[in-house]
C-alpha atoms as a PDB file:
ATOM      1  CA  MET A   1      20.688 -29.730  16.078  1.00  0.00           C
ATOM      2  CA  LYS A   2      23.629 -26.949  15.812  1.00  0.00           C
ATOM      3  CA  GLN A   3      22.423 -26.065  12.417  1.00  0.00           C
ATOM      4  CA  SER A   4      18.637 -25.663  13.318  1.00  0.00           C
ATOM      5  CA  PHE A   5      19.415 -23.654  16.293  1.00  0.00           C
ATOM      6  CA  PHE A   6      21.691 -21.546  14.145  1.00  0.00           C
ATOM      7  CA  ALA A   7      19.126 -21.167  11.475  1.00  0.00           C
ATOM      8  CA  LEU A   8      16.457 -20.069  14.208  1.00  0.00           C
ATOM      9  CA  THR A   9      18.548 -17.741  15.731  1.00  0.00           C
ATOM     10  CA  THR A  10      19.528 -15.984  12.270  1.00  0.00           C
ATOM     11  CA  ALA A  11      15.806 -16.022  11.396  1.00  0.00           C
ATOM     12  CA  SER A  12      14.998 -14.366  14.632  1.00  0.00           C
ATOM     13  CA  LEU A  13      17.532 -11.745  14.231  1.00  0.00           C
ATOM     14  CA  VAL A  14      16.518 -10.842  10.598  1.00  0.00           C
ATOM     15  CA  VAL A  15      13.065 -10.283  11.765  1.00  0.00           C
ATOM     16  CA  ALA A  16      14.064  -8.307  14.936  1.00  0.00           C
ATOM     17  CA  LEU A  17      16.192  -6.094  12.779  1.00  0.00           C
ATOM     18  CA  SER A  18      13.352  -5.504  10.221  1.00  0.00           C
ATOM     19  CA  LEU A  19      11.199  -4.379  13.043  1.00  0.00           C
ATOM     20  CA  SER A  20      10.886  -0.970  14.469  1.00  0.00           C
ATOM     21  CA  PRO A  21      11.475  -0.169  18.025  1.00  0.00           C
ATOM     22  CA  ALA A  22       7.636  -0.515  18.770  1.00  0.00           C
ATOM     23  CA  GLY A  23       7.624  -3.771  17.326  1.00  0.00           C
ATOM     24  CA  ARG A  24       6.273  -2.863  13.891  1.00  0.00           C
ATOM     25  CA  SER A  25       7.888  -2.495  10.727  1.00  0.00           C
ATOM     26  CA  SER A  26       8.772   0.964   9.422  1.00  0.00           C
ATOM     27  CA  PRO A  27       6.110   2.742   7.200  1.00  0.00           C
ATOM     28  CA  GLU A  28       8.162   2.362   4.215  1.00  0.00           C
ATOM     29  CA  ALA A  29       8.243  -1.411   4.537  1.00  0.00           C
ATOM     30  CA  ASP A  30       4.506  -1.304   5.211  1.00  0.00           C
ATOM     31  CA  LEU A  31       4.022   0.731   2.090  1.00  0.00           C
ATOM     32  CA  ARG A  32       5.978  -1.416  -0.004  1.00  0.00           C
ATOM     33  CA  GLU A  33       4.166  -4.497   1.315  1.00  0.00           C
ATOM     34  CA  ALA A  34       1.033  -2.722   0.398  1.00  0.00           C
ATOM     35  CA  ALA A  35       2.063  -1.768  -2.997  1.00  0.00           C
ATOM     36  CA  LEU A  36       3.211  -5.380  -3.581  1.00  0.00           C
ATOM     37  CA  ALA A  37      -0.284  -6.523  -2.522  1.00  0.00           C
ATOM     38  CA  TRP A  38      -1.933  -3.844  -4.868  1.00  0.00           C
ATOM     39  CA  ASP A  39       0.090  -5.140  -7.739  1.00  0.00           C
ATOM     40  CA  ALA A  40      -0.962  -8.707  -7.071  1.00  0.00           C
ATOM     41  CA  GLY A  41      -4.380  -7.765  -7.215  1.00  0.00           C
ATOM     42  CA  ASP A  42      -4.909  -8.087  -3.404  1.00  0.00           C
ATOM     43  CA  TYR A  43      -6.803  -4.813  -3.187  1.00  0.00           C
ATOM     44  CA  VAL A  44      -8.579  -5.639   0.175  1.00  0.00           C
ATOM     45  CA  THR A  45      -5.142  -6.215   1.963  1.00  0.00           C
ATOM     46  CA  ALA A  46      -3.573  -3.359   0.185  1.00  0.00           C
ATOM     47  CA  LEU A  47      -6.384  -0.757   1.131  1.00  0.00           C
ATOM     48  CA  ASN A  48      -6.467  -2.083   4.654  1.00  0.00           C
ATOM     49  CA  GLU A  49      -2.881  -1.458   4.972  1.00  0.00           C
ATOM     50  CA  TYR A  50      -3.027   1.961   3.238  1.00  0.00           C
ATOM     51  CA  ILE A  51      -5.876   2.975   5.903  1.00  0.00           C
ATOM     52  CA  ARG A  52      -3.737   1.935   8.770  1.00  0.00           C
ATOM     53  CA  LEU A  53      -0.737   3.978   7.447  1.00  0.00           C
ATOM     54  CA  LEU A  54      -3.020   7.112   6.735  1.00  0.00           C
ATOM     55  CA  ASN A  55      -4.227   6.823  10.497  1.00  0.00           C
ATOM     56  CA  SER A  56      -0.769   6.705  11.796  1.00  0.00           C
ATOM     57  CA  PRO A  57       1.758   9.432  12.718  1.00  0.00           C
ATOM     58  CA  SER A  58       3.592   9.027   9.263  1.00  0.00           C
ATOM     59  CA  ALA A  59       0.433   9.953   7.278  1.00  0.00           C
ATOM     60  CA  ALA A  60       2.022  12.828   5.767  1.00  0.00           C
ATOM     61  CA  ASP A  61       4.663  11.177   4.236  1.00  0.00           C
ATOM     62  CA  VAL A  62       2.669   8.188   2.792  1.00  0.00           C
ATOM     63  CA  LEU A  63      -0.407  10.138   1.506  1.00  0.00           C
ATOM     64  CA  GLU A  64       1.343  10.928  -2.109  1.00  0.00           C
ATOM     65  CA  PRO A  65       2.814   7.456  -2.771  1.00  0.00           C
ATOM     66  CA  ILE A  66      -0.598   6.147  -1.933  1.00  0.00           C
ATOM     67  CA  ALA A  67      -2.533   8.573  -4.038  1.00  0.00           C
ATOM     68  CA  VAL A  68      -0.214   7.719  -6.954  1.00  0.00           C
ATOM     69  CA  GLN A  69      -0.843   3.857  -6.506  1.00  0.00           C
ATOM     70  CA  THR A  70      -4.386   4.169  -6.086  1.00  0.00           C
ATOM     71  CA  GLY A  71      -4.860   6.617  -8.904  1.00  0.00           C
ATOM     72  CA  GLU A  72      -6.446   9.183  -6.459  1.00  0.00           C
ATOM     73  CA  LEU A  73      -3.617  11.752  -7.153  1.00  0.00           C
ATOM     74  CA  TYR A  74      -4.763  12.413 -10.801  1.00  0.00           C
ATOM     75  CA  ARG A  75      -7.624  14.789 -11.448  1.00  0.00           C
ATOM     76  CA  THR A  76     -10.511  13.113 -13.574  1.00  0.00           C
ATOM     77  CA  GLU A  77     -13.547  14.188 -15.466  1.00  0.00           C
ATOM     78  CA  GLU A  78     -16.755  12.263 -15.516  1.00  0.00           C
ATOM     79  CA  ILE A  79     -17.715  11.595 -19.085  1.00  0.00           C
ATOM     80  CA  THR A  80     -21.025   9.525 -18.370  1.00  0.00           C
ATOM     81  CA  ARG A  81     -23.017   9.142 -15.379  1.00  0.00           C
ATOM     82  CA  ASP A  82     -23.845   5.481 -15.546  1.00  0.00           C
ATOM     83  CA  GLY A  83     -20.926   4.231 -17.812  1.00  0.00           C
ATOM     84  CA  LEU A  84     -23.441   2.948 -20.405  1.00  0.00           C
ATOM     85  CA  ALA A  85     -24.163   6.384 -22.141  1.00  0.00           C
ATOM     86  CA  ARG A  86     -21.693   7.003 -24.930  1.00  0.00           C
ATOM     87  CA  ALA A  87     -19.887  10.201 -25.004  1.00  0.00           C
ATOM     88  CA  SER A  88     -17.387  11.609 -27.325  1.00  0.00           C
ATOM     89  CA  ALA A  89     -14.903  14.536 -27.100  1.00  0.00           C
ATOM     90  CA  ARG A  90     -17.619  16.739 -28.889  1.00  0.00           C
ATOM     91  CA  THR A  91     -20.303  16.158 -26.417  1.00  0.00           C
ATOM     92  CA  ARG A  92     -20.717  16.839 -22.728  1.00  0.00           C
ATOM     93  CA  VAL A  93     -22.868  15.189 -20.539  1.00  0.00           C
END
């Protein structure tokens, strides 16, 4: 009985310490969790968390890491309009 009470108390303390005063985890922890979801292929979860973070007061701090993770930080150039037509370095569409 004492062991289960101790385990429950310890688990509650760990959870309480990992949460910010508002009852939510920190933006850094949320960003890590979203990145883990992204890496695991759970893009829906990751993108929902990224959207929530980008709508939060910490948006300026998380914008670049999210852009790097999702590939949006890099400039791209369209080489075919529909992905079916072949294009080479010598031809421009």
